């Protein structure tokens, strides 16, 4: 190892599976592949240029299709990231992940990683065997961001298709396109291309070392329901009977809810179950006491968080022993 190589930042690459580690029967297939079957060593071998960007420490944390992500694996991943980021010889961390639940994992880490060192998620929309696979370049860019001192202190990031997003804002918006991820309302943080990294805005809401949350040893049951024409209260009542601790409703418009489930959710809130109103729309914010009377119903507004990220925050809050609507509203307004 020469002097130049020794001077490069050291980046830990933690692999969890996903399409970026997917394999199909032939190169023409971009669907119908098996996710998570290619190991981290092969992912790294496919990108020789990584050796010019950083010294790599690689670990295989999981080998799953990210549709099968679990809170238990979140705990494992966040715990390992916190341990690695505490090491003096680690300058940044990259997580390879599937696209399906990337936004949920990213936001969970954004609130539970206790380090200012760069933590960057990346993924792919095409399996590693596909023509024009997008994974190798996404991985190279993610490592470049994680190795950059400019990325420090910005919370958990996502490097994808030459763009850099905040974990709080990013969401998947396409089932097939290589530019599948967007940050509605707020836009990207910056970009990465050919080793050049430029940030154009900052993350304002608290995260990582400024967050009051930690990963849980046991996660409370929090489920998501949707409001739509003709919805019944059957699902809400079944969840209450099953012992759910929290419910997030993906409401219509500004978090509005069908009259039938409005009453069911009010009953749930009266019974001590945390109820959060989000929107199924995809962008915009849900105003407190806007499309529903939160004060009267005992519900909480999710603000700009989509239903899936609202569930993450609610799970963290409940696991911390916070369940009253007023304190939960403060948390949703803050994070």
C-alpha atoms as a PDB file:
ATOM      1  CA  UNK A   1       0.000   0.000   0.000  1.00  0.00           C
ATOM      2  CA  UNK A   2       1.573   3.267  -1.137  1.00  0.00           C
ATOM      3  CA  UNK A   3       1.691   6.569   0.720  1.00  0.00           C
ATOM      4  CA  UNK A   4      -1.149   8.056  -1.320  1.00  0.00           C
ATOM      5  CA  UNK A   5      -3.451   5.151  -0.548  1.00  0.00           C
ATOM      6  CA  UNK A   6      -2.672   5.371   3.154  1.00  0.00           C
ATOM      7  CA  UNK A   7      -3.689   9.038   3.113  1.00  0.00           C
ATOM      8  CA  UNK A   8      -7.161   8.291   1.729  1.00  0.00           C
ATOM      9  CA  UNK A   9     -10.186   8.426   4.071  1.00  0.00           C
ATOM     10  CA  UNK A  10     -11.384   5.080   5.418  1.00  0.00           C
ATOM     11  CA  UNK A  11     -15.021   4.330   4.653  1.00  0.00           C
ATOM     12  CA  UNK A  12     -17.024   1.405   6.008  1.00  0.00           C
ATOM     13  CA  UNK A  13     -19.436  -0.125   3.483  1.00  0.00           C
ATOM     14  CA  UNK A  14     -22.281  -2.018   5.145  1.00  0.00           C
ATOM     15  CA  UNK A  15     -24.311  -4.162   2.759  1.00  0.00           C
ATOM     16  CA  UNK A  16     -27.910  -5.146   3.457  1.00  0.00           C
ATOM     17  CA  UNK A  17     -28.962  -6.593   0.087  1.00  0.00           C
ATOM     18  CA  UNK A  18     -31.491  -5.008  -2.246  1.00  0.00           C
ATOM     19  CA  UNK A  19     -31.606  -4.565  -6.007  1.00  0.00           C
ATOM     20  CA  UNK A  20     -28.067  -3.176  -6.007  1.00  0.00           C
ATOM     21  CA  UNK A  21     -27.083  -6.732  -5.006  1.00  0.00           C
ATOM     22  CA  UNK A  22     -29.661  -8.322  -7.310  1.00  0.00           C
ATOM     23  CA  UNK A  23     -29.095 -10.918  -9.992  1.00  0.00           C
ATOM     24  CA  UNK A  24     -31.208 -11.788 -13.041  1.00  0.00           C
ATOM     25  CA  UNK A  25     -31.096 -14.668 -15.517  1.00  0.00           C
ATOM     26  CA  UNK A  26     -29.760 -12.453 -18.298  1.00  0.00           C
ATOM     27  CA  UNK A  27     -28.555  -8.889 -18.829  1.00  0.00           C
ATOM     28  CA  UNK A  28     -31.728  -7.751 -20.604  1.00  0.00           C
ATOM     29  CA  UNK A  29     -33.879  -8.247 -17.501  1.00  0.00           C
ATOM     30  CA  UNK A  30     -34.478  -5.322 -15.153  1.00  0.00           C
ATOM     31  CA  UNK A  31     -37.427  -6.983 -13.403  1.00  0.00           C
ATOM     32  CA  UNK A  32     -38.057 -10.506 -12.196  1.00  0.00           C
ATOM     33  CA  UNK A  33     -34.611 -10.719 -10.585  1.00  0.00           C
ATOM     34  CA  UNK A  34     -33.615 -12.009  -7.154  1.00  0.00           C
ATOM     35  CA  UNK A  35     -32.575  -9.227  -4.800  1.00  0.00           C
ATOM     36  CA  UNK A  36     -29.803  -9.353  -2.243  1.00  0.00           C
ATOM     37  CA  UNK A  37     -27.848 -12.335  -3.587  1.00  0.00           C
ATOM     38  CA  UNK A  38     -24.584 -10.605  -4.564  1.00  0.00           C
ATOM     39  CA  UNK A  39     -22.163 -10.244  -1.661  1.00  0.00           C
ATOM     40  CA  UNK A  40     -20.481  -7.007  -0.655  1.00  0.00           C
ATOM     41  CA  UNK A  41     -17.075  -8.146  -1.937  1.00  0.00           C
ATOM     42  CA  UNK A  42     -18.443  -8.613  -5.460  1.00  0.00           C
ATOM     43  CA  UNK A  43     -20.202  -5.243  -5.287  1.00  0.00           C
ATOM     44  CA  UNK A  44     -16.884  -3.621  -4.450  1.00  0.00           C
ATOM     45  CA  UNK A  45     -14.949  -5.581  -7.072  1.00  0.00           C
ATOM     46  CA  UNK A  46     -17.302  -4.196  -9.730  1.00  0.00           C
ATOM     47  CA  UNK A  47     -16.109  -0.666  -8.934  1.00  0.00           C
ATOM     48  CA  UNK A  48     -12.274  -0.599  -9.140  1.00  0.00           C
ATOM     49  CA  UNK A  49     -12.308   3.207  -8.965  1.00  0.00           C
ATOM     50  CA  UNK A  50     -13.262   2.976  -5.282  1.00  0.00           C
ATOM     51  CA  UNK A  51      -9.574   2.430  -4.563  1.00  0.00           C
ATOM     52  CA  UNK A  52      -8.839   5.970  -5.715  1.00  0.00           C
ATOM     53  CA  UNK A  53     -11.487   7.472  -3.410  1.00  0.00           C
ATOM     54  CA  UNK A  54     -11.169   5.687  -0.084  1.00  0.00           C
ATOM     55  CA  UNK A  55      -9.821   2.731   1.831  1.00  0.00           C
ATOM     56  CA  UNK A  56     -12.765   0.376   2.228  1.00  0.00           C
ATOM     57  CA  UNK A  57     -13.804  -1.670   5.223  1.00  0.00           C
ATOM     58  CA  UNK A  58     -16.667  -3.973   4.161  1.00  0.00           C
ATOM     59  CA  UNK A  59     -19.289  -5.841   6.177  1.00  0.00           C
ATOM     60  CA  UNK A  60     -22.325  -7.891   5.143  1.00  0.00           C
ATOM     61  CA  UNK A  61     -25.042  -6.919   7.626  1.00  0.00           C
ATOM     62  CA  UNK A  62     -27.916  -8.650   5.819  1.00  0.00           C
ATOM     63  CA  UNK A  63     -28.844 -10.081   2.410  1.00  0.00           C
ATOM     64  CA  UNK A  64     -32.501  -9.226   1.996  1.00  0.00           C
ATOM     65  CA  UNK A  65     -34.953  -7.707  -0.422  1.00  0.00           C
ATOM     66  CA  UNK A  66     -35.675  -4.422   1.360  1.00  0.00           C
ATOM     67  CA  UNK A  67     -39.416  -5.021   1.174  1.00  0.00           C
ATOM     68  CA  UNK A  68     -38.640  -7.441   4.017  1.00  0.00           C
ATOM     69  CA  UNK A  69     -36.846  -4.892   6.224  1.00  0.00           C
ATOM     70  CA  UNK A  70     -37.668  -5.245   9.937  1.00  0.00           C
ATOM     71  CA  UNK A  71     -37.334  -3.030  13.014  1.00  0.00           C
ATOM     72  CA  UNK A  72     -35.026  -5.668  14.526  1.00  0.00           C
ATOM     73  CA  UNK A  73     -32.648  -5.202  11.590  1.00  0.00           C
ATOM     74  CA  UNK A  74     -32.900  -1.429  12.056  1.00  0.00           C
ATOM     75  CA  UNK A  75     -31.624  -1.936  15.592  1.00  0.00           C
ATOM     76  CA  UNK A  76     -28.750  -4.104  14.368  1.00  0.00           C
ATOM     77  CA  UNK A  77     -27.812  -1.633  11.641  1.00  0.00           C
ATOM     78  CA  UNK A  78     -27.988   1.509  13.777  1.00  0.00           C
ATOM     79  CA  UNK A  79     -26.036  -0.161  16.583  1.00  0.00           C
ATOM     80  CA  UNK A  80     -23.282  -1.200  14.193  1.00  0.00           C
ATOM     81  CA  UNK A  81     -23.123   2.255  12.594  1.00  0.00           C
ATOM     82  CA  UNK A  82     -22.798   3.890  15.994  1.00  0.00           C
ATOM     83  CA  UNK A  83     -20.007   1.500  16.954  1.00  0.00           C
ATOM     84  CA  UNK A  84     -18.083   2.050  13.713  1.00  0.00           C
ATOM     85  CA  UNK A  85     -18.531   5.816  13.713  1.00  0.00           C
ATOM     86  CA  UNK A  86     -17.002   5.927  17.192  1.00  0.00           C
ATOM     87  CA  UNK A  87     -13.756   4.470  15.830  1.00  0.00           C
ATOM     88  CA  UNK A  88     -10.988   6.938  15.048  1.00  0.00           C
ATOM     89  CA  UNK A  89      -9.984   4.970  11.940  1.00  0.00           C
ATOM     90  CA  UNK A  90     -13.439   5.272  10.290  1.00  0.00           C
ATOM     91  CA  UNK A  91     -14.144   8.546   8.464  1.00  0.00           C
ATOM     92  CA  UNK A  92     -17.537   7.755   6.960  1.00  0.00           C
ATOM     93  CA  UNK A  93     -20.082   4.989   6.423  1.00  0.00           C
ATOM     94  CA  UNK A  94     -22.026   3.822   3.372  1.00  0.00           C
ATOM     95  CA  UNK A  95     -25.037   1.505   3.535  1.00  0.00           C
ATOM     96  CA  UNK A  96     -26.152  -0.350   0.410  1.00  0.00           C
ATOM     97  CA  UNK A  97     -29.893  -0.910   0.612  1.00  0.00           C
ATOM     98  CA  UNK A  98     -32.927  -1.822  -1.432  1.00  0.00           C
ATOM     99  CA  UNK A  99     -35.036   1.035  -2.762  1.00  0.00           C
ATOM    100  CA  UNK A 100     -38.391  -0.188  -1.440  1.00  0.00           C
ATOM    101  CA  UNK A 101     -37.873   0.815   2.191  1.00  0.00           C
ATOM    102  CA  UNK A 102     -34.758   2.961   1.841  1.00  0.00           C
ATOM    103  CA  UNK A 103     -36.576   6.129   2.913  1.00  0.00           C
ATOM    104  CA  UNK A 104     -37.771   4.488   6.132  1.00  0.00           C
ATOM    105  CA  UNK A 105     -34.352   3.105   7.078  1.00  0.00           C
ATOM    106  CA  UNK A 106     -32.674   6.387   6.182  1.00  0.00           C
ATOM    107  CA  UNK A 107     -35.021   8.429   8.404  1.00  0.00           C
ATOM    108  CA  UNK A 108     -34.661   5.934  11.261  1.00  0.00           C
ATOM    109  CA  UNK A 109     -30.873   6.285  11.074  1.00  0.00           C
ATOM    110  CA  UNK A 110     -31.170  10.083  10.709  1.00  0.00           C
ATOM    111  CA  UNK A 111     -32.758  10.124  14.175  1.00  0.00           C
ATOM    112  CA  UNK A 112     -30.684   7.424  15.914  1.00  0.00           C
ATOM    113  CA  UNK A 113     -27.094   7.657  14.616  1.00  0.00           C
ATOM    114  CA  UNK A 114     -25.002   9.504  17.201  1.00  0.00           C
ATOM    115  CA  UNK A 115     -22.169  10.866  15.090  1.00  0.00           C
ATOM    116  CA  UNK A 116     -21.403  13.843  12.880  1.00  0.00           C
ATOM    117  CA  UNK A 117     -19.397  11.630  10.520  1.00  0.00           C
ATOM    118  CA  UNK A 118     -21.006  11.163   7.095  1.00  0.00           C
ATOM    119  CA  UNK A 119     -23.495   8.295   6.853  1.00  0.00           C
ATOM    120  CA  UNK A 120     -24.731   7.744   3.308  1.00  0.00           C
ATOM    121  CA  UNK A 121     -27.258   5.284   1.914  1.00  0.00           C
ATOM    122  CA  UNK A 122     -27.329   4.235  -1.700  1.00  0.00           C
ATOM    123  CA  UNK A 123     -29.206   1.733  -3.818  1.00  0.00           C
ATOM    124  CA  UNK A 124     -30.073   0.820  -7.403  1.00  0.00           C
ATOM    125  CA  UNK A 125     -33.144   0.484  -9.578  1.00  0.00           C
ATOM    126  CA  UNK A 126     -31.526  -2.135 -11.832  1.00  0.00           C
ATOM    127  CA  UNK A 127     -29.923  -5.387 -10.673  1.00  0.00           C
ATOM    128  CA  UNK A 128     -26.156  -5.761 -10.839  1.00  0.00           C
ATOM    129  CA  UNK A 129     -26.454  -8.051 -13.887  1.00  0.00           C
ATOM    130  CA  UNK A 130     -28.498  -5.612 -16.005  1.00  0.00           C
ATOM    131  CA  UNK A 131     -27.378  -3.639 -19.018  1.00  0.00           C
ATOM    132  CA  UNK A 132     -26.517  -0.129 -17.793  1.00  0.00           C
ATOM    133  CA  UNK A 133     -26.766  -1.176 -14.140  1.00  0.00           C
ATOM    134  CA  UNK A 134     -26.941   1.957 -12.005  1.00  0.00           C
ATOM    135  CA  UNK A 135     -25.592   0.402  -8.808  1.00  0.00           C
ATOM    136  CA  UNK A 136     -21.833   0.700  -9.440  1.00  0.00           C
ATOM    137  CA  UNK A 137     -21.891   4.459 -10.097  1.00  0.00           C
ATOM    138  CA  UNK A 138     -24.289   5.048  -7.201  1.00  0.00           C
ATOM    139  CA  UNK A 139     -21.922   3.135  -4.920  1.00  0.00           C
ATOM    140  CA  UNK A 140     -18.893   5.094  -6.133  1.00  0.00           C
ATOM    141  CA  UNK A 141     -20.697   8.380  -5.579  1.00  0.00           C
ATOM    142  CA  UNK A 142     -21.907   7.335  -2.130  1.00  0.00           C
ATOM    143  CA  UNK A 143     -18.375   6.467  -1.051  1.00  0.00           C
ATOM    144  CA  UNK A 144     -17.125   9.784  -2.416  1.00  0.00           C
ATOM    145  CA  UNK A 145     -19.741  11.628  -0.346  1.00  0.00           C
ATOM    146  CA  UNK A 146     -18.985   9.578   2.771  1.00  0.00           C
ATOM    147  CA  UNK A 147     -15.274  10.351   2.324  1.00  0.00           C
ATOM    148  CA  UNK A 148     -15.916  14.086   2.030  1.00  0.00           C
ATOM    149  CA  UNK A 149     -15.435  16.347   5.045  1.00  0.00           C
ATOM    150  CA  UNK A 150     -18.095  18.633   3.554  1.00  0.00           C
ATOM    151  CA  UNK A 151     -20.687  15.916   4.191  1.00  0.00           C
ATOM    152  CA  UNK A 152     -20.038  15.845   7.943  1.00  0.00           C
ATOM    153  CA  UNK A 153     -22.720  17.135  10.284  1.00  0.00           C
ATOM    154  CA  UNK A 154     -25.486  17.089   7.662  1.00  0.00           C
ATOM    155  CA  UNK A 155     -27.378  14.121   9.058  1.00  0.00           C
ATOM    156  CA  UNK A 156     -27.922  10.874   7.204  1.00  0.00           C
ATOM    157  CA  UNK A 157     -27.728  11.338   3.443  1.00  0.00           C
ATOM    158  CA  UNK A 158     -28.828   9.433   0.350  1.00  0.00           C
ATOM    159  CA  UNK A 159     -26.626   9.490  -2.757  1.00  0.00           C
ATOM    160  CA  UNK A 160     -28.572   8.379  -5.805  1.00  0.00           C
ATOM    161  CA  UNK A 161     -28.412   9.193  -9.513  1.00  0.00           C
ATOM    162  CA  UNK A 162     -25.789  11.929  -8.954  1.00  0.00           C
ATOM    163  CA  UNK A 163     -27.963  13.701  -6.392  1.00  0.00           C
ATOM    164  CA  UNK A 164     -27.544  14.039  -2.626  1.00  0.00           C
ATOM    165  CA  UNK A 165     -30.728  14.051  -0.549  1.00  0.00           C
ATOM    166  CA  UNK A 166     -31.526  14.391   3.135  1.00  0.00           C
ATOM    167  CA  UNK A 167     -32.866  11.223   4.729  1.00  0.00           C
ATOM    168  CA  UNK A 168     -35.760  13.217   6.167  1.00  0.00           C
ATOM    169  CA  UNK A 169     -37.066  14.450   2.840  1.00  0.00           C
ATOM    170  CA  UNK A 170     -36.382  11.730   0.293  1.00  0.00           C
ATOM    171  CA  UNK A 171     -39.062   9.394  -1.045  1.00  0.00           C
ATOM    172  CA  UNK A 172     -39.331   6.878  -3.864  1.00  0.00           C
ATOM    173  CA  UNK A 173     -41.474   8.204  -6.719  1.00  0.00           C
ATOM    174  CA  UNK A 174     -41.106   5.698  -9.569  1.00  0.00           C
ATOM    175  CA  UNK A 175     -41.410   1.947  -9.921  1.00  0.00           C
ATOM    176  CA  UNK A 176     -38.759   1.677 -12.640  1.00  0.00           C
ATOM    177  CA  UNK A 177     -36.853   4.897 -13.440  1.00  0.00           C
ATOM    178  CA  UNK A 178     -33.215   5.302 -12.417  1.00  0.00           C
ATOM    179  CA  UNK A 179     -34.093   8.766 -11.062  1.00  0.00           C
ATOM    180  CA  UNK A 180     -36.723   7.200  -8.814  1.00  0.00           C
ATOM    181  CA  UNK A 181     -36.035   9.333  -5.742  1.00  0.00           C
ATOM    182  CA  UNK A 182     -37.166  12.880  -5.052  1.00  0.00           C
ATOM    183  CA  UNK A 183     -37.339  15.255  -2.100  1.00  0.00           C
ATOM    184  CA  UNK A 184     -40.773  16.879  -2.574  1.00  0.00           C
ATOM    185  CA  UNK A 185     -41.136  20.489  -1.450  1.00  0.00           C
ATOM    186  CA  UNK A 186     -37.528  20.885  -0.288  1.00  0.00           C
ATOM    187  CA  UNK A 187     -35.446  19.540  -3.194  1.00  0.00           C
ATOM    188  CA  UNK A 188     -31.986  17.994  -3.166  1.00  0.00           C
ATOM    189  CA  UNK A 189     -29.177  18.987  -0.825  1.00  0.00           C
ATOM    190  CA  UNK A 190     -26.597  18.932  -3.594  1.00  0.00           C
ATOM    191  CA  UNK A 191     -24.965  16.774  -6.206  1.00  0.00           C
ATOM    192  CA  UNK A 192     -22.022  14.442  -6.783  1.00  0.00           C
ATOM    193  CA  UNK A 193     -20.432  13.839 -10.174  1.00  0.00           C
ATOM    194  CA  UNK A 194     -16.981  12.620 -11.198  1.00  0.00           C
ATOM    195  CA  UNK A 195     -15.701  13.139  -7.680  1.00  0.00           C
ATOM    196  CA  UNK A 196     -17.033  16.684  -7.387  1.00  0.00           C
ATOM    197  CA  UNK A 197     -19.369  17.191  -4.428  1.00  0.00           C
ATOM    198  CA  UNK A 198     -21.364  20.365  -3.919  1.00  0.00           C
ATOM    199  CA  UNK A 199     -23.961  21.098  -1.256  1.00  0.00           C
ATOM    200  CA  UNK A 200     -26.515  23.787  -2.035  1.00  0.00           C
ATOM    201  CA  UNK A 201     -28.677  23.819   1.105  1.00  0.00           C
ATOM    202  CA  UNK A 202     -28.541  22.697   4.714  1.00  0.00           C
ATOM    203  CA  UNK A 203     -30.725  20.493   6.906  1.00  0.00           C
ATOM    204  CA  UNK A 204     -32.503  22.624   9.503  1.00  0.00           C
ATOM    205  CA  UNK A 205     -34.448  20.161  11.653  1.00  0.00           C
ATOM    206  CA  UNK A 206     -32.469  18.326  14.384  1.00  0.00           C
ATOM    207  CA  UNK A 207     -30.896  14.957  13.660  1.00  0.00           C
ATOM    208  CA  UNK A 208     -28.155  12.518  14.724  1.00  0.00           C
ATOM    209  CA  UNK A 209     -26.264  14.029  17.682  1.00  0.00           C
ATOM    210  CA  UNK A 210     -29.041  16.608  18.242  1.00  0.00           C
ATOM    211  CA  UNK A 211     -31.782  13.960  18.236  1.00  0.00           C
ATOM    212  CA  UNK A 212     -33.244  12.724  21.513  1.00  0.00           C
ATOM    213  CA  UNK A 213     -33.928   9.238  20.153  1.00  0.00           C
ATOM    214  CA  UNK A 214     -32.085   5.932  20.292  1.00  0.00           C
ATOM    215  CA  UNK A 215     -32.873   2.596  18.659  1.00  0.00           C
ATOM    216  CA  UNK A 216     -35.144   0.347  20.669  1.00  0.00           C
ATOM    217  CA  UNK A 217     -34.489  -3.133  21.973  1.00  0.00           C
ATOM    218  CA  UNK A 218     -38.214  -3.786  21.553  1.00  0.00           C
ATOM    219  CA  UNK A 219     -40.372  -1.927  19.072  1.00  0.00           C
ATOM    220  CA  UNK A 220     -44.026  -1.003  19.707  1.00  0.00           C
ATOM    221  CA  UNK A 221     -46.640  -2.148  17.219  1.00  0.00           C
ATOM    222  CA  UNK A 222     -47.556   0.800  15.012  1.00  0.00           C
ATOM    223  CA  UNK A 223     -49.615   0.273  11.869  1.00  0.00           C
ATOM    224  CA  UNK A 224     -50.721   2.370   8.896  1.00  0.00           C
ATOM    225  CA  UNK A 225     -54.230   2.552   7.492  1.00  0.00           C
ATOM    226  CA  UNK A 226     -55.602   4.567   4.578  1.00  0.00           C
ATOM    227  CA  UNK A 227     -58.678   6.711   4.084  1.00  0.00           C
ATOM    228  CA  UNK A 228     -60.566   6.253   0.835  1.00  0.00           C
ATOM    229  CA  UNK A 229     -64.094   6.276  -0.540  1.00  0.00           C
ATOM    230  CA  UNK A 230     -66.302   3.859   1.352  1.00  0.00           C
ATOM    231  CA  UNK A 231     -63.701   2.804   3.928  1.00  0.00           C
ATOM    232  CA  UNK A 232     -65.067   0.902   6.924  1.00  0.00           C
ATOM    233  CA  UNK A 233     -63.852   0.908  10.520  1.00  0.00           C
ATOM    234  CA  UNK A 234     -63.106  -2.822  10.440  1.00  0.00           C
ATOM    235  CA  UNK A 235     -59.326  -2.379  10.161  1.00  0.00           C
ATOM    236  CA  UNK A 236     -59.139   0.208  12.955  1.00  0.00           C
ATOM    237  CA  UNK A 237     -61.211  -1.941  15.289  1.00  0.00           C
ATOM    238  CA  UNK A 238     -59.128  -5.026  14.461  1.00  0.00           C
ATOM    239  CA  UNK A 239     -55.895  -3.166  15.219  1.00  0.00           C
ATOM    240  CA  UNK A 240     -57.245  -1.899  18.520  1.00  0.00           C
ATOM    241  CA  UNK A 241     -58.306  -5.445  19.448  1.00  0.00           C
ATOM    242  CA  UNK A 242     -54.835  -6.705  18.504  1.00  0.00           C
ATOM    243  CA  UNK A 243     -53.195  -4.334  20.981  1.00  0.00           C
ATOM    244  CA  UNK A 244     -51.687  -1.785  18.597  1.00  0.00           C
ATOM    245  CA  UNK A 245     -49.892   1.102  20.334  1.00  0.00           C
ATOM    246  CA  UNK A 246     -50.096   3.592  17.485  1.00  0.00           C
ATOM    247  CA  UNK A 247     -51.931   4.158  14.212  1.00  0.00           C
ATOM    248  CA  UNK A 248     -50.875   6.395  11.332  1.00  0.00           C
ATOM    249  CA  UNK A 249     -53.631   7.250   8.884  1.00  0.00           C
ATOM    250  CA  UNK A 250     -52.720   8.043   5.287  1.00  0.00           C
ATOM    251  CA  UNK A 251     -55.496  10.555   4.837  1.00  0.00           C
ATOM    252  CA  UNK A 252     -56.828  12.155   1.705  1.00  0.00           C
ATOM    253  CA  UNK A 253     -55.712  15.677   0.802  1.00  0.00           C
ATOM    254  CA  UNK A 254     -54.561  17.618   3.862  1.00  0.00           C
ATOM    255  CA  UNK A 255     -54.835  14.510   6.027  1.00  0.00           C
ATOM    256  CA  UNK A 256     -58.606  14.437   5.892  1.00  0.00           C
ATOM    257  CA  UNK A 257     -60.363  11.257   7.007  1.00  0.00           C
ATOM    258  CA  UNK A 258     -63.617   9.583   6.001  1.00  0.00           C
ATOM    259  CA  UNK A 259     -66.325  10.121   8.644  1.00  0.00           C
ATOM    260  CA  UNK A 260     -66.464   6.389   9.364  1.00  0.00           C
ATOM    261  CA  UNK A 261     -62.822   6.053  10.374  1.00  0.00           C
ATOM    262  CA  UNK A 262     -62.756   9.483  11.996  1.00  0.00           C
ATOM    263  CA  UNK A 263     -65.036   8.119  14.682  1.00  0.00           C
ATOM    264  CA  UNK A 264     -63.084   4.858  14.894  1.00  0.00           C
ATOM    265  CA  UNK A 265     -59.781   6.695  15.311  1.00  0.00           C
ATOM    266  CA  UNK A 266     -61.291   9.065  17.881  1.00  0.00           C
ATOM    267  CA  UNK A 267     -62.387   5.983  19.827  1.00  0.00           C
ATOM    268  CA  UNK A 268     -58.848   4.587  19.539  1.00  0.00           C
ATOM    269  CA  UNK A 269     -57.317   7.842  20.799  1.00  0.00           C
ATOM    270  CA  UNK A 270     -59.728   7.854  23.739  1.00  0.00           C
ATOM    271  CA  UNK A 271     -58.525   4.336  24.529  1.00  0.00           C
ATOM    272  CA  UNK A 272     -54.936   5.618  24.776  1.00  0.00           C
ATOM    273  CA  UNK A 273     -53.700   4.679  21.317  1.00  0.00           C
ATOM    274  CA  UNK A 274     -51.540   7.301  19.593  1.00  0.00           C
ATOM    275  CA  UNK A 275     -53.139   8.414  16.321  1.00  0.00           C
ATOM    276  CA  UNK A 276     -51.213  10.458  13.732  1.00  0.00           C
ATOM    277  CA  UNK A 277     -52.707  12.043  10.623  1.00  0.00           C
ATOM    278  CA  UNK A 278     -50.513  11.995   7.503  1.00  0.00           C
ATOM    279  CA  UNK A 279     -51.433  12.303   3.825  1.00  0.00           C
ATOM    280  CA  UNK A 280     -51.456   9.836   0.967  1.00  0.00           C
ATOM    281  CA  UNK A 281     -50.917  12.644  -1.576  1.00  0.00           C
ATOM    282  CA  UNK A 282     -47.111  12.502  -1.815  1.00  0.00           C
ATOM    283  CA  UNK A 283     -46.159  16.099  -1.105  1.00  0.00           C
ATOM    284  CA  UNK A 284     -47.245  19.048   0.985  1.00  0.00           C
ATOM    285  CA  UNK A 285     -47.933  19.215   4.699  1.00  0.00           C
ATOM    286  CA  UNK A 286     -50.765  18.206   6.998  1.00  0.00           C
ATOM    287  CA  UNK A 287     -51.878  21.188   9.089  1.00  0.00           C
ATOM    288  CA  UNK A 288     -52.865  20.678  12.694  1.00  0.00           C
ATOM    289  CA  UNK A 289     -56.590  21.341  13.091  1.00  0.00           C
ATOM    290  CA  UNK A 290     -56.776  21.834   9.332  1.00  0.00           C
ATOM    291  CA  UNK A 291     -58.775  19.108   7.584  1.00  0.00           C
ATOM    292  CA  UNK A 292     -59.661  17.531  10.934  1.00  0.00           C
ATOM    293  CA  UNK A 293     -60.038  18.837  14.469  1.00  0.00           C
ATOM    294  CA  UNK A 294     -56.985  17.340  16.151  1.00  0.00           C
ATOM    295  CA  UNK A 295     -57.788  19.073  19.439  1.00  0.00           C
ATOM    296  CA  UNK A 296     -61.216  17.460  19.622  1.00  0.00           C
ATOM    297  CA  UNK A 297     -60.182  14.061  18.278  1.00  0.00           C
ATOM    298  CA  UNK A 298     -56.989  13.688  20.299  1.00  0.00           C
ATOM    299  CA  UNK A 299     -54.923  13.163  17.142  1.00  0.00           C
ATOM    300  CA  UNK A 300     -51.522  14.418  15.985  1.00  0.00           C
ATOM    301  CA  UNK A 301     -50.524  16.060  12.696  1.00  0.00           C
ATOM    302  CA  UNK A 302     -47.583  14.509  10.837  1.00  0.00           C
ATOM    303  CA  UNK A 303     -46.595  17.807   9.207  1.00  0.00           C
ATOM    304  CA  UNK A 304     -44.497  17.135   6.109  1.00  0.00           C
ATOM    305  CA  UNK A 305     -43.682  13.518   6.976  1.00  0.00           C
ATOM    306  CA  UNK A 306     -45.257  10.911   4.731  1.00  0.00           C
ATOM    307  CA  UNK A 307     -47.134   8.036   6.444  1.00  0.00           C
ATOM    308  CA  UNK A 308     -44.136   5.696   6.419  1.00  0.00           C
ATOM    309  CA  UNK A 309     -41.747   8.180   8.002  1.00  0.00           C
ATOM    310  CA  UNK A 310     -44.461   9.272  10.413  1.00  0.00           C
ATOM    311  CA  UNK A 311     -44.642   5.643  11.544  1.00  0.00           C
ATOM    312  CA  UNK A 312     -40.870   5.610  12.148  1.00  0.00           C
ATOM    313  CA  UNK A 313     -41.025   8.732  14.323  1.00  0.00           C
ATOM    314  CA  UNK A 314     -44.079   7.465  16.206  1.00  0.00           C
ATOM    315  CA  UNK A 315     -42.362   4.126  16.904  1.00  0.00           C
ATOM    316  CA  UNK A 316     -39.306   5.926  18.265  1.00  0.00           C
ATOM    317  CA  UNK A 317     -41.436   8.194  20.426  1.00  0.00           C
ATOM    318  CA  UNK A 318     -43.518   5.356  21.848  1.00  0.00           C
ATOM    319  CA  UNK A 319     -40.429   3.253  22.523  1.00  0.00           C
ATOM    320  CA  UNK A 320     -39.112   6.231  24.532  1.00  0.00           C
ATOM    321  CA  UNK A 321     -42.233   6.184  26.687  1.00  0.00           C
ATOM    322  CA  UNK A 322     -43.881   9.203  25.026  1.00  0.00           C
ATOM    323  CA  UNK A 323     -47.540   8.672  24.218  1.00  0.00           C
ATOM    324  CA  UNK A 324     -49.547  11.806  25.073  1.00  0.00           C
ATOM    325  CA  UNK A 325     -50.799  13.775  22.081  1.00  0.00           C
ATOM    326  CA  UNK A 326     -49.354  17.134  23.147  1.00  0.00           C
ATOM    327  CA  UNK A 327     -45.799  15.827  23.485  1.00  0.00           C
ATOM    328  CA  UNK A 328     -46.115  13.785  20.316  1.00  0.00           C
ATOM    329  CA  UNK A 329     -47.200  16.920  18.446  1.00  0.00           C
ATOM    330  CA  UNK A 330     -44.101  18.717  19.717  1.00  0.00           C
ATOM    331  CA  UNK A 331     -41.944  15.893  18.368  1.00  0.00           C
ATOM    332  CA  UNK A 332     -43.623  15.911  14.963  1.00  0.00           C
ATOM    333  CA  UNK A 333     -43.246  19.691  14.793  1.00  0.00           C
ATOM    334  CA  UNK A 334     -39.565  19.389  15.752  1.00  0.00           C
ATOM    335  CA  UNK A 335     -38.326  16.463  13.698  1.00  0.00           C
END
